[in-house]
Amino acid sequence: MSKKVIAIAGGTGAQGGGLARAILADSSSDFTPRVLTRNPKSDKARALERAGAQVVAADVDDPPSVVKAFRGAHGAYCVTFFWEHFSAEKEKAQARTLAEAAKTAGVQHAIWSSLEDMRQWVPVESTTMPTLQEKYKVPHFDAKGEADAYFSERGVPTTVLLTSYYWDNMIHFGTGPKPGADGKLALTMPMGEAKVAGIAAEDIGKCAYGIFKAGAPYIGKTIGIAGEMLTGTEMAAALSKALGQEVVYNDVPADVFRGFGFPGADEMGNMYQVWRDFNAQYCKNRSVSASRELNPELLSFAGWLARNASRIPLE
């Protein structure tokens, strides 16, 4: 029997690439990955093609190309790319394109990589934090949460996957420890002693693969995944051990973090503030044990650090 195709939007990215590699690593899999990418000739795309993936040109800003790429696929992994453009409206347009393509192509199981609309906890009119892009509190969360309805309204058989902060951001996004004025490495977050739900980016793909394998029981469900939930103090201790030098946790006010001035600082400051102030509910929406059932290889933070600490830039 021919294998069922899983079409993967952003198939060369952190989440999509992890899913493609998870499928390819399973020699007994009933599935085969179809990687959607704007550049089929990129190094990442060619590496996946050599490993056995089908690679096709598609762009979420070009709806017909996504419909074409989804045709004939059993499943589709749908993810958007906020940090390329920083626009909640564009992210919603991309999500709508993915939902409509899944419906048009007759996909039997879509996974939508989502996050909570944080306006359920902090309404736009609230003055506890600034409103961004006119009508959002945390645009990359709120836009994804709002877009959940695009899939349900079109009747697409969908699992909504709530992801977590991925530890790989310490390597690629600059969120790792940095030297303070005293020369000590400091992990800076406005989180108090609230917990950060985190995960290895690769494990998001592996959990998604677990959902596709399980199939029907997950359709219509919202599943939250995490590798571990740790306070800033606990993360700093784990980093100290892995790096072989002291890392302190620098808990700053959210207003201070928003004022750091790097692109997205205001958004991330709002995000951390919501995580801190609504921590119990945010963490409740994610389950480490359920993640491990989907992905028995799920890494803890210490496990991720054992493989990746040397890749974290410390300057």
Protein backbone atom coordinates (compact mmCIF):
# COMPACT_ATOMS: atom_id res chain seq x y z
CA MET A 1 0.00 0.00 0.00
CA SER A 2 1.18 3.52 -0.76
CA LYS A 3 1.95 5.70 2.21
CA LYS A 4 -0.30 8.57 3.28
CA VAL A 5 1.13 11.99 2.53
CA ILE A 6 1.49 14.59 5.28
CA ALA A 7 1.88 18.02 3.70
CA ILE A 8 3.96 20.24 5.97
CA ALA A 9 3.77 24.02 5.71
CA GLY A 10 7.10 25.54 6.67
CA GLY A 11 8.62 22.12 6.26
CA THR A 12 12.19 23.41 6.52
CA GLY A 13 11.47 25.38 9.72
CA ALA A 14 11.84 24.34 13.34
CA GLN A 15 8.42 22.76 13.78
CA GLY A 16 7.80 21.48 10.26
CA GLY A 17 11.34 20.19 9.86
CA GLY A 18 10.99 18.30 13.14
CA LEU A 19 7.81 16.62 11.88
CA ALA A 20 9.37 15.71 8.53
CA ARG A 21 12.41 14.19 10.25
CA ALA A 22 10.22 12.28 12.72
CA ILE A 23 8.31 10.65 9.87
CA LEU A 24 11.47 9.86 7.93
CA ALA A 25 13.14 8.35 10.99
CA ASP A 26 10.33 5.80 11.38
CA SER A 27 11.02 3.05 8.86
CA SER A 28 7.65 1.42 9.61
CA SER A 29 5.66 4.64 9.17
CA ASP A 30 2.38 4.67 7.29
CA PHE A 31 3.14 8.26 6.30
CA THR A 32 5.51 10.13 4.04
CA PRO A 33 6.30 13.86 4.30
CA ARG A 34 5.65 16.45 1.60
CA VAL A 35 7.66 19.52 2.55
CA LEU A 36 6.30 22.91 1.47
CA THR A 37 8.95 25.57 1.08
CA ARG A 38 9.42 28.83 -0.78
CA ASN A 39 12.90 27.71 -1.79
CA PRO A 40 13.19 24.02 -2.77
CA LYS A 41 16.88 24.57 -3.53
CA SER A 42 17.82 25.65 0.00
CA ASP A 43 20.27 23.50 1.95
CA LYS A 44 17.57 22.41 4.39
CA ALA A 45 15.15 21.48 1.63
CA ARG A 46 17.78 19.49 -0.25
CA ALA A 47 18.81 17.67 2.93
CA LEU A 48 15.20 16.60 3.55
CA GLU A 49 14.83 15.54 -0.08
CA ARG A 50 17.96 13.40 0.17
CA ALA A 51 16.50 11.82 3.30
CA GLY A 52 13.38 10.80 1.39
CA ALA A 53 10.95 13.71 1.66
CA GLN A 54 9.02 15.08 -1.27
CA VAL A 55 9.83 18.80 -1.57
CA VAL A 56 7.45 21.20 -3.33
CA ALA A 57 7.46 24.95 -3.91
CA ALA A 58 4.64 26.72 -2.09
CA ASP A 59 4.18 30.05 -0.33
CA VAL A 60 1.50 30.85 2.26
CA ASP A 61 1.22 34.29 0.66
CA ASP A 62 0.23 32.55 -2.61
CA PRO A 63 -3.00 30.62 -1.87
CA PRO A 64 -3.18 28.61 -5.14
CA SER A 65 0.31 27.21 -4.49
CA VAL A 66 -0.79 25.92 -1.07
CA VAL A 67 -3.94 24.30 -2.48
CA LYS A 68 -1.81 22.58 -5.11
CA ALA A 69 0.66 21.37 -2.47
CA PHE A 70 -2.14 20.04 -0.22
CA ARG A 71 -3.88 18.12 -3.05
CA GLY A 72 -3.80 14.37 -2.47
CA ALA A 73 -2.48 14.70 1.07
CA HIS A 74 -4.05 12.77 3.92
CA GLY A 75 -2.88 15.28 6.51
CA ALA A 76 -1.53 18.80 6.71
CA TYR A 77 0.62 20.51 9.31
CA CYS A 78 -0.27 24.19 9.35
CA VAL A 79 2.02 26.78 10.92
CA THR A 80 2.51 30.51 10.33
CA PHE A 81 5.59 32.70 10.51
CA PHE A 82 4.98 35.83 12.63
CA TRP A 83 8.61 36.65 13.35
CA GLU A 84 9.38 37.10 9.65
CA HIS A 85 7.04 40.11 9.38
CA PHE A 86 5.78 41.00 12.91
CA SER A 87 2.21 41.52 11.61
CA ALA A 88 -0.79 39.92 13.32
CA GLU A 89 -3.00 40.73 10.34
CA LYS A 90 -0.62 39.05 7.92
CA GLU A 91 -0.40 36.03 10.21
CA LYS A 92 -4.20 35.72 10.22
CA ALA A 93 -4.23 35.97 6.42
CA GLN A 94 -1.69 33.15 6.21
CA ALA A 95 -3.74 31.03 8.62
CA ARG A 96 -6.86 31.64 6.54
CA THR A 97 -4.98 30.52 3.43
CA LEU A 98 -3.93 27.30 5.16
CA ALA A 99 -7.45 26.57 6.42
CA GLU A 100 -9.03 27.23 3.04
CA ALA A 101 -6.43 25.10 1.27
CA ALA A 102 -7.02 22.22 3.69
CA LYS A 103 -10.76 22.46 3.04
CA THR A 104 -10.42 22.76 -0.75
CA ALA A 105 -7.94 19.88 -0.96
CA GLY A 106 -10.07 17.62 1.23
CA VAL A 107 -7.41 17.01 3.86
CA GLN A 108 -8.60 14.36 6.32
CA HIS A 109 -6.59 15.58 9.34
CA ALA A 110 -5.03 19.01 9.84
CA ILE A 111 -2.91 20.08 12.77
CA TRP A 112 -3.00 23.82 13.37
CA SER A 113 -0.01 25.05 15.39
CA SER A 114 -1.64 27.62 17.60
CA LEU A 115 -1.41 29.61 20.83
CA GLU A 116 -3.96 31.17 23.15
CA ASP A 117 -5.67 34.45 22.34
CA MET A 118 -4.41 36.27 25.41
CA ARG A 119 -7.17 38.87 25.19
CA GLN A 120 -9.30 36.31 27.02
CA TRP A 121 -7.19 37.16 30.09
CA VAL A 122 -6.15 40.75 29.33
CA PRO A 123 -8.80 42.57 27.28
CA VAL A 124 -7.69 45.19 24.76
CA GLU A 125 -9.07 47.97 26.98
CA SER A 126 -6.97 46.84 29.96
CA THR A 127 -4.28 49.32 31.00
CA THR A 128 -2.10 46.69 32.72
CA MET A 129 0.00 46.50 29.55
CA PRO A 130 0.13 48.40 26.25
CA THR A 131 -2.14 47.51 23.35
CA LEU A 132 -0.10 46.64 20.25
CA GLN A 133 -0.97 46.91 16.55
CA GLU A 134 -4.17 48.71 17.61
CA LYS A 135 -6.12 45.67 18.85
CA TYR A 136 -3.80 43.05 20.31
CA LYS A 137 -2.02 42.46 23.58
CA VAL A 138 0.37 39.73 22.39
CA PRO A 139 -0.03 39.79 18.60
CA HIS A 140 1.65 36.45 17.78
CA PHE A 141 -0.50 34.70 20.38
CA ASP A 142 -3.74 36.57 19.78
CA ALA A 143 -3.65 36.18 15.99
CA LYS A 144 -3.10 32.43 16.20
CA GLY A 145 -5.85 32.01 18.80
CA GLU A 146 -8.25 34.05 16.69
CA ALA A 147 -7.37 31.93 13.66
CA ASP A 148 -8.49 28.68 15.36
CA ALA A 149 -11.98 29.53 14.12
CA TYR A 150 -10.86 29.56 10.48
CA PHE A 151 -10.42 25.79 10.62
CA SER A 152 -13.57 24.99 12.62
CA GLU A 153 -15.81 27.30 10.58
CA ARG A 154 -14.73 25.55 7.37
CA GLY A 155 -15.31 22.10 8.83
CA VAL A 156 -11.68 21.05 8.48
CA PRO A 157 -10.97 17.97 10.67
CA THR A 158 -8.43 19.66 12.90
CA THR A 159 -6.33 19.18 16.01
CA VAL A 160 -5.36 22.50 17.57
CA LEU A 161 -1.83 22.15 18.93
CA LEU A 162 -0.85 24.63 21.64
CA THR A 163 2.92 24.85 21.56
CA SER A 164 5.32 26.21 24.20
CA TYR A 165 8.36 28.47 24.37
CA TYR A 166 11.08 26.59 22.62
CA TRP A 167 14.44 26.39 24.26
CA ASP A 168 16.08 26.65 20.83
CA ASN A 169 15.23 30.37 21.03
CA MET A 170 18.28 30.62 23.28
CA ILE A 171 20.39 29.69 20.25
CA HIS A 172 18.61 31.44 17.40
CA PHE A 173 16.53 34.22 18.95
CA GLY A 174 18.81 35.72 21.57
CA THR A 175 16.81 34.75 24.67
CA GLY A 176 19.68 32.91 26.35
CA PRO A 177 21.89 34.21 29.18
CA LYS A 178 23.97 37.33 28.54
CA PRO A 179 26.74 38.99 30.57
CA GLY A 180 25.55 41.68 32.97
CA ALA A 181 27.42 44.77 34.12
CA ASP A 182 29.18 42.62 36.73
CA GLY A 183 30.31 40.15 34.07
CA LYS A 184 28.04 37.37 35.36
CA LEU A 185 25.78 35.60 32.93
CA ALA A 186 22.14 36.51 33.51
CA LEU A 187 18.92 34.98 32.21
CA THR A 188 16.55 37.95 32.00
CA MET A 189 12.77 37.50 32.09
CA PRO A 190 9.96 39.41 33.83
CA MET A 191 8.48 36.21 35.24
CA GLY A 192 8.88 36.41 39.03
CA GLU A 193 8.80 32.83 40.25
CA ALA A 194 6.14 31.73 37.77
CA LYS A 195 6.93 28.76 35.55
CA VAL A 196 7.89 28.86 31.88
CA ALA A 197 6.39 26.02 29.82
CA GLY A 198 9.20 25.06 27.45
CA ILE A 199 10.00 22.43 24.85
CA ALA A 200 12.69 21.41 22.38
CA ALA A 201 11.62 22.60 18.92
CA GLU A 202 12.29 19.14 17.50
CA ASP A 203 9.86 17.67 20.01
CA ILE A 204 7.01 19.78 18.65
CA GLY A 205 7.36 17.91 15.38
CA LYS A 206 7.63 14.57 17.15
CA CYS A 207 4.46 15.28 19.16
CA ALA A 208 2.67 16.29 15.97
CA TYR A 209 3.73 12.99 14.41
CA GLY A 210 2.23 11.20 17.41
CA ILE A 211 -1.05 13.00 16.79
CA PHE A 212 -1.12 12.05 13.11
CA LYS A 213 -0.39 8.41 14.00
CA ALA A 214 -3.21 8.35 16.57
CA GLY A 215 -5.57 9.98 14.10
CA ALA A 216 -9.30 10.26 14.70
CA PRO A 217 -9.31 10.49 18.54
CA TYR A 218 -7.45 13.80 18.30
CA ILE A 219 -9.66 15.44 15.67
CA GLY A 220 -11.66 18.27 17.20
CA LYS A 221 -9.39 18.40 20.24
CA THR A 222 -7.03 21.06 21.56
CA ILE A 223 -3.75 19.57 22.81
CA GLY A 224 -1.13 21.55 24.72
CA ILE A 225 2.44 20.27 24.77
CA ALA A 226 5.53 21.01 26.86
CA GLY A 227 8.79 19.28 27.72
CA GLU A 228 9.11 20.78 31.20
CA MET A 229 7.81 23.69 33.26
CA LEU A 230 10.49 25.59 35.17
CA THR A 231 10.91 28.88 36.99
CA GLY A 232 13.57 31.33 35.91
CA THR A 233 15.59 30.33 38.97
CA GLU A 234 15.38 26.66 37.99
CA MET A 235 16.33 27.41 34.39
CA ALA A 236 19.33 29.46 35.53
CA ALA A 237 20.49 26.59 37.76
CA ALA A 238 20.24 24.12 34.88
CA LEU A 239 22.13 26.51 32.60
CA SER A 240 24.86 26.98 35.23
CA LYS A 241 25.40 23.24 35.41
CA ALA A 242 25.38 22.72 31.65
CA LEU A 243 27.62 25.71 30.83
CA GLY A 244 30.05 25.17 33.69
CA GLN A 245 29.72 28.77 34.87
CA GLU A 246 27.25 30.62 37.03
CA VAL A 247 24.06 31.92 35.47
CA VAL A 248 21.82 34.12 37.62
CA TYR A 249 18.14 34.76 37.06
CA ASN A 250 17.48 38.45 36.44
CA ASP A 251 13.82 39.09 37.18
CA VAL A 252 13.00 42.55 35.80
CA PRO A 253 9.67 44.41 35.70
CA ALA A 254 7.70 43.84 32.48
CA ASP A 255 7.87 47.58 31.72
CA VAL A 256 11.67 47.42 31.86
CA PHE A 257 11.72 44.43 29.50
CA ARG A 258 9.39 46.20 27.06
CA GLY A 259 11.83 49.09 26.99
CA PHE A 260 14.87 47.04 25.96
CA GLY A 261 14.39 48.23 22.41
CA PHE A 262 15.08 45.14 20.33
CA PRO A 263 12.49 44.23 17.66
CA GLY A 264 9.54 42.60 19.43
CA ALA A 265 10.58 43.66 22.98
CA ASP A 266 7.17 45.18 23.70
CA GLU A 267 5.40 42.07 22.47
CA MET A 268 7.65 39.71 24.44
CA GLY A 269 7.29 41.86 27.55
CA ASN A 270 3.52 41.55 27.28
CA MET A 271 3.83 37.80 26.67
CA TYR A 272 5.95 37.21 29.76
CA GLN A 273 3.60 39.36 31.83
CA VAL A 274 0.58 37.27 30.81
CA TRP A 275 2.52 34.05 31.48
CA ARG A 276 3.38 35.37 34.92
CA ASP A 277 -0.02 36.78 35.89
CA PHE A 278 -2.08 33.87 34.53
CA ASN A 279 0.51 31.17 35.10
CA ALA A 280 -1.70 28.49 36.58
CA GLN A 281 -4.11 28.51 33.64
CA TYR A 282 -1.37 28.88 31.03
CA CYS A 283 0.50 25.85 32.39
CA LYS A 284 -2.72 23.89 32.87
CA ASN A 285 -3.33 24.21 29.14
CA ARG A 286 -0.19 22.14 28.53
CA SER A 287 0.65 18.62 29.71
CA VAL A 288 4.12 17.14 29.95
CA SER A 289 2.73 13.64 30.49
CA ALA A 290 0.43 13.87 27.45
CA SER A 291 3.38 15.16 25.42
CA ARG A 292 5.45 12.16 26.49
CA GLU A 293 2.66 9.78 25.46
CA LEU A 294 2.74 11.33 21.98
CA ASN A 295 6.54 11.42 21.93
CA PRO A 296 8.33 8.95 24.21
CA GLU A 297 11.66 10.64 23.35
CA LEU A 298 10.50 13.96 24.89
CA LEU A 299 13.46 15.93 26.26
CA SER A 300 13.65 17.72 29.59
CA PHE A 301 15.44 21.08 29.73
CA ALA A 302 18.53 19.36 31.12
CA GLY A 303 18.34 16.80 28.31
CA TRP A 304 18.09 19.55 25.73
CA LEU A 305 21.01 21.40 27.31
CA ALA A 306 23.16 18.26 27.24
CA ARG A 307 22.87 18.33 23.45
CA ASN A 308 22.79 22.07 22.80
CA ALA A 309 24.44 24.11 25.58
CA SER A 310 27.59 24.63 23.53
CA ARG A 311 25.49 26.24 20.76
CA ILE A 312 24.08 29.02 22.97
CA PRO A 313 25.82 32.34 22.22
CA LEU A 314 26.88 34.00 25.48
CA GLU A 315 27.68 37.51 24.23
